C-alpha atoms as a PDB file:
ATOM      1  CA  UNK A   1     119.924 104.216 104.101  1.00  0.00           C
ATOM      2  CA  UNK A   2     117.317 102.877 101.833  1.00  0.00           C
ATOM      3  CA  UNK A   3     118.290 103.718  97.925  1.00  0.00           C
ATOM      4  CA  UNK A   4     115.667 105.774  96.268  1.00  0.00           C
ATOM      5  CA  UNK A   5     114.469 102.738  93.919  1.00  0.00           C
ATOM      6  CA  UNK A   6     114.084 100.393  97.477  1.00  0.00           C
ATOM      7  CA  UNK A   7     112.190 103.231  98.888  1.00  0.00           C
ATOM      8  CA  UNK A   8     110.275 103.281  95.672  1.00  0.00           C
ATOM      9  CA  UNK A   9     109.190  99.590  95.467  1.00  0.00           C
ATOM     10  CA  UNK A  10     108.425  99.621  98.467  1.00  0.00           C
ATOM     11  CA  UNK A  11     105.685 102.615  98.061  1.00  0.00           C
ATOM     12  CA  UNK A  12     104.250 100.783  95.525  1.00  0.00           C
ATOM     13  CA  UNK A  13     103.840  97.855  97.816  1.00  0.00           C
ATOM     14  CA  UNK A  14     102.517  98.965 100.553  1.00  0.00           C
ATOM     15  CA  UNK A  15      99.810 100.906  97.613  1.00  0.00           C
ATOM     16  CA  UNK A  16      99.143  97.534  96.625  1.00  0.00           C
ATOM     17  CA  UNK A  17      99.113  96.411 100.277  1.00  0.00           C
ATOM     18  CA  UNK A  18      96.037  99.285 101.100  1.00  0.00           C
ATOM     19  CA  UNK A  19      94.035  97.888  98.098  1.00  0.00           C
ATOM     20  CA  UNK A  20      94.012  94.021  98.905  1.00  0.00           C
ATOM     21  CA  UNK A  21      93.404  95.027 102.572  1.00  0.00           C
ATOM     22  CA  UNK A  22      90.580  97.333 101.757  1.00  0.00           C
ATOM     23  CA  UNK A  23      88.909  95.074  99.461  1.00  0.00           C
ATOM     24  CA  UNK A  24      89.736  91.576 101.782  1.00  0.00           C
ATOM     25  CA  UNK A  25      90.084  92.593 105.303  1.00  0.00           C
ATOM     26  CA  UNK A  26      90.888  90.076 108.054  1.00  0.00           C
ATOM     27  CA  UNK A  27      88.064  88.736 109.622  1.00  0.00           C
ATOM     28  CA  UNK A  28      86.984  90.631 112.439  1.00  0.00           C
ATOM     29  CA  UNK A  29      88.251  93.617 111.542  1.00  0.00           C
ATOM     30  CA  UNK A  30      86.170  94.653 108.558  1.00  0.00           C
ATOM     31  CA  UNK A  31      84.752  97.620 110.617  1.00  0.00           C
ATOM     32  CA  UNK A  32      88.139  98.731 111.764  1.00  0.00           C
ATOM     33  CA  UNK A  33      90.095  98.716 108.211  1.00  0.00           C
ATOM     34  CA  UNK A  34      86.702 100.133 106.333  1.00  0.00           C
ATOM     35  CA  UNK A  35      86.702 103.356 108.826  1.00  0.00           C
ATOM     36  CA  UNK A  36      90.151 103.251 108.981  1.00  0.00           C
ATOM     37  CA  UNK A  37      90.737 104.419 104.827  1.00  0.00           C
ATOM     38  CA  UNK A  38      87.389 105.872 104.829  1.00  0.00           C
ATOM     39  CA  UNK A  39      89.427 108.519 107.207  1.00  0.00           C
ATOM     40  CA  UNK A  40      92.153 108.394 105.911  1.00  0.00           C
ATOM     41  CA  UNK A  41      91.656 108.265 101.739  1.00  0.00           C
ATOM     42  CA  UNK A  42      92.180 112.284 101.478  1.00  0.00           C
ATOM     43  CA  UNK A  43      95.322 112.041 103.258  1.00  0.00           C
ATOM     44  CA  UNK A  44      96.132 108.966 101.314  1.00  0.00           C
ATOM     45  CA  UNK A  45      95.144 110.187  97.758  1.00  0.00           C
ATOM     46  CA  UNK A  46      96.706 113.499  98.417  1.00  0.00           C
ATOM     47  CA  UNK A  47     100.583 111.663  98.832  1.00  0.00           C
ATOM     48  CA  UNK A  48      99.715 109.686  95.633  1.00  0.00           C
ATOM     49  CA  UNK A  49      99.198 112.576  94.109  1.00  0.00           C
ATOM     50  CA  UNK A  50     101.787 114.582  95.382  1.00  0.00           C
ATOM     51  CA  UNK A  51     104.385 111.680  94.469  1.00  0.00           C
ATOM     52  CA  UNK A  52     103.056 111.081  91.205  1.00  0.00           C
ATOM     53  CA  UNK A  53     104.304 115.599  90.460  1.00  0.00           C
ATOM     54  CA  UNK A  54     107.478 114.304  91.231  1.00  0.00           C
ATOM     55  CA  UNK A  55     107.482 114.844  95.069  1.00  0.00           C
ATOM     56  CA  UNK A  56     109.962 112.543  96.643  1.00  0.00           C
ATOM     57  CA  UNK A  57     108.692 109.609  98.630  1.00  0.00           C
ATOM     58  CA  UNK A  58     108.700 110.744 102.441  1.00  0.00           C
ATOM     59  CA  UNK A  59     108.155 114.404 101.886  1.00  0.00           C
ATOM     60  CA  UNK A  60     104.795 114.254 102.282  1.00  0.00           C
ATOM     61  CA  UNK A  61     103.462 115.421 106.223  1.00  0.00           C
ATOM     62  CA  UNK A  62     100.475 116.526 107.174  1.00  0.00           C
ATOM     63  CA  UNK A  63      98.975 117.647 104.128  1.00  0.00           C
ATOM     64  CA  UNK A  64     102.027 118.951 102.217  1.00  0.00           C
ATOM     65  CA  UNK A  65     105.480 118.800 101.288  1.00  0.00           C
ATOM     66  CA  UNK A  66     108.415 119.475 103.428  1.00  0.00           C
ATOM     67  CA  UNK A  67     112.037 119.677 101.724  1.00  0.00           C
ATOM     68  CA  UNK A  68     114.360 119.279 104.599  1.00  0.00           C
ATOM     69  CA  UNK A  69     116.496 116.686 103.634  1.00  0.00           C
ATOM     70  CA  UNK A  70     115.557 115.135 100.740  1.00  0.00           C
ATOM     71  CA  UNK A  71     116.794 114.392  97.801  1.00  0.00           C
ATOM     72  CA  UNK A  72     116.132 116.864  94.935  1.00  0.00           C
ATOM     73  CA  UNK A  73     115.295 113.625  92.294  1.00  0.00           C
ATOM     74  CA  UNK A  74     111.374 113.091  92.581  1.00  0.00           C
ATOM     75  CA  UNK A  75     110.913 109.326  91.402  1.00  0.00           C
ATOM     76  CA  UNK A  76     111.977 107.852  87.700  1.00  0.00           C
ATOM     77  CA  UNK A  77     109.014 108.489  85.069  1.00  0.00           C
ATOM     78  CA  UNK A  78     108.523 105.041  86.003  1.00  0.00           C
ATOM     79  CA  UNK A  79     107.734 105.273  89.603  1.00  0.00           C
ATOM     80  CA  UNK A  80     104.891 108.209  88.945  1.00  0.00           C
ATOM     81  CA  UNK A  81     103.364 106.214  86.541  1.00  0.00           C
ATOM     82  CA  UNK A  82     102.684 103.709  88.904  1.00  0.00           C
ATOM     83  CA  UNK A  83     101.538 105.559  91.140  1.00  0.00           C
ATOM     84  CA  UNK A  84      98.700 106.874  89.000  1.00  0.00           C
ATOM     85  CA  UNK A  85      98.018 104.268  87.987  1.00  0.00           C
ATOM     86  CA  UNK A  86      97.441 102.623  91.644  1.00  0.00           C
ATOM     87  CA  UNK A  87      95.940 106.117  92.332  1.00  0.00           C
ATOM     88  CA  UNK A  88      92.664 105.917  90.295  1.00  0.00           C
ATOM     89  CA  UNK A  89      92.518 102.338  91.861  1.00  0.00           C
ATOM     90  CA  UNK A  90      92.422 103.267  95.451  1.00  0.00           C
ATOM     91  CA  UNK A  91      89.819 106.212  94.221  1.00  0.00           C
ATOM     92  CA  UNK A  92      87.500 103.551  93.163  1.00  0.00           C
ATOM     93  CA  UNK A  93      88.165 101.143  95.987  1.00  0.00           C
ATOM     94  CA  UNK A  94      88.173 103.888  98.664  1.00  0.00           C
ATOM     95  CA  UNK A  95      84.942 104.835  97.288  1.00  0.00           C
ATOM     96  CA  UNK A  96      83.189 101.704  96.764  1.00  0.00           C
ATOM     97  CA  UNK A  97      83.668 101.624 100.927  1.00  0.00           C
ATOM     98  CA  UNK A  98      82.150 104.562 101.645  1.00  0.00           C
ATOM     99  CA  UNK A  99      84.737 107.221 101.495  1.00  0.00           C
ATOM    100  CA  UNK A 100      83.448 110.384 100.012  1.00  0.00           C
ATOM    101  CA  UNK A 101      84.844 113.383  97.553  1.00  0.00           C
ATOM    102  CA  UNK A 102      87.863 110.952  96.325  1.00  0.00           C
ATOM    103  CA  UNK A 103      87.378 111.531  92.465  1.00  0.00           C
ATOM    104  CA  UNK A 104      88.487 115.025  93.246  1.00  0.00           C
ATOM    105  CA  UNK A 105      91.906 113.094  93.284  1.00  0.00           C
ATOM    106  CA  UNK A 106      91.680 110.970  89.659  1.00  0.00           C
ATOM    107  CA  UNK A 107      95.228 111.430  87.617  1.00  0.00           C
ATOM    108  CA  UNK A 108      95.722 111.471  83.868  1.00  0.00           C
ATOM    109  CA  UNK A 109      97.090 108.491  82.725  1.00  0.00           C
END
């Protein structure tokens, strides 16, 4: 079973990977990567918003927070702050690459 801090670190790394993949997709996969993130931008940003507001990592499923078997602690202040910063970068990146209406997910720092 993963500890909370390793799950948070994994989420941070995953968000950084998403940013890198959108900005620099593998050769011959540019269209696939771009269309995937255009389609799923709102789902990704909704999950980030939930995590920045204290939802436990892994608890955001199908557009809502599910509490089954999830720890009560929703993440450290450092984790929430990191997710907030990365969410705002993702909004910018997704918008630049064609996702619509992402600005509504901008979070206050």
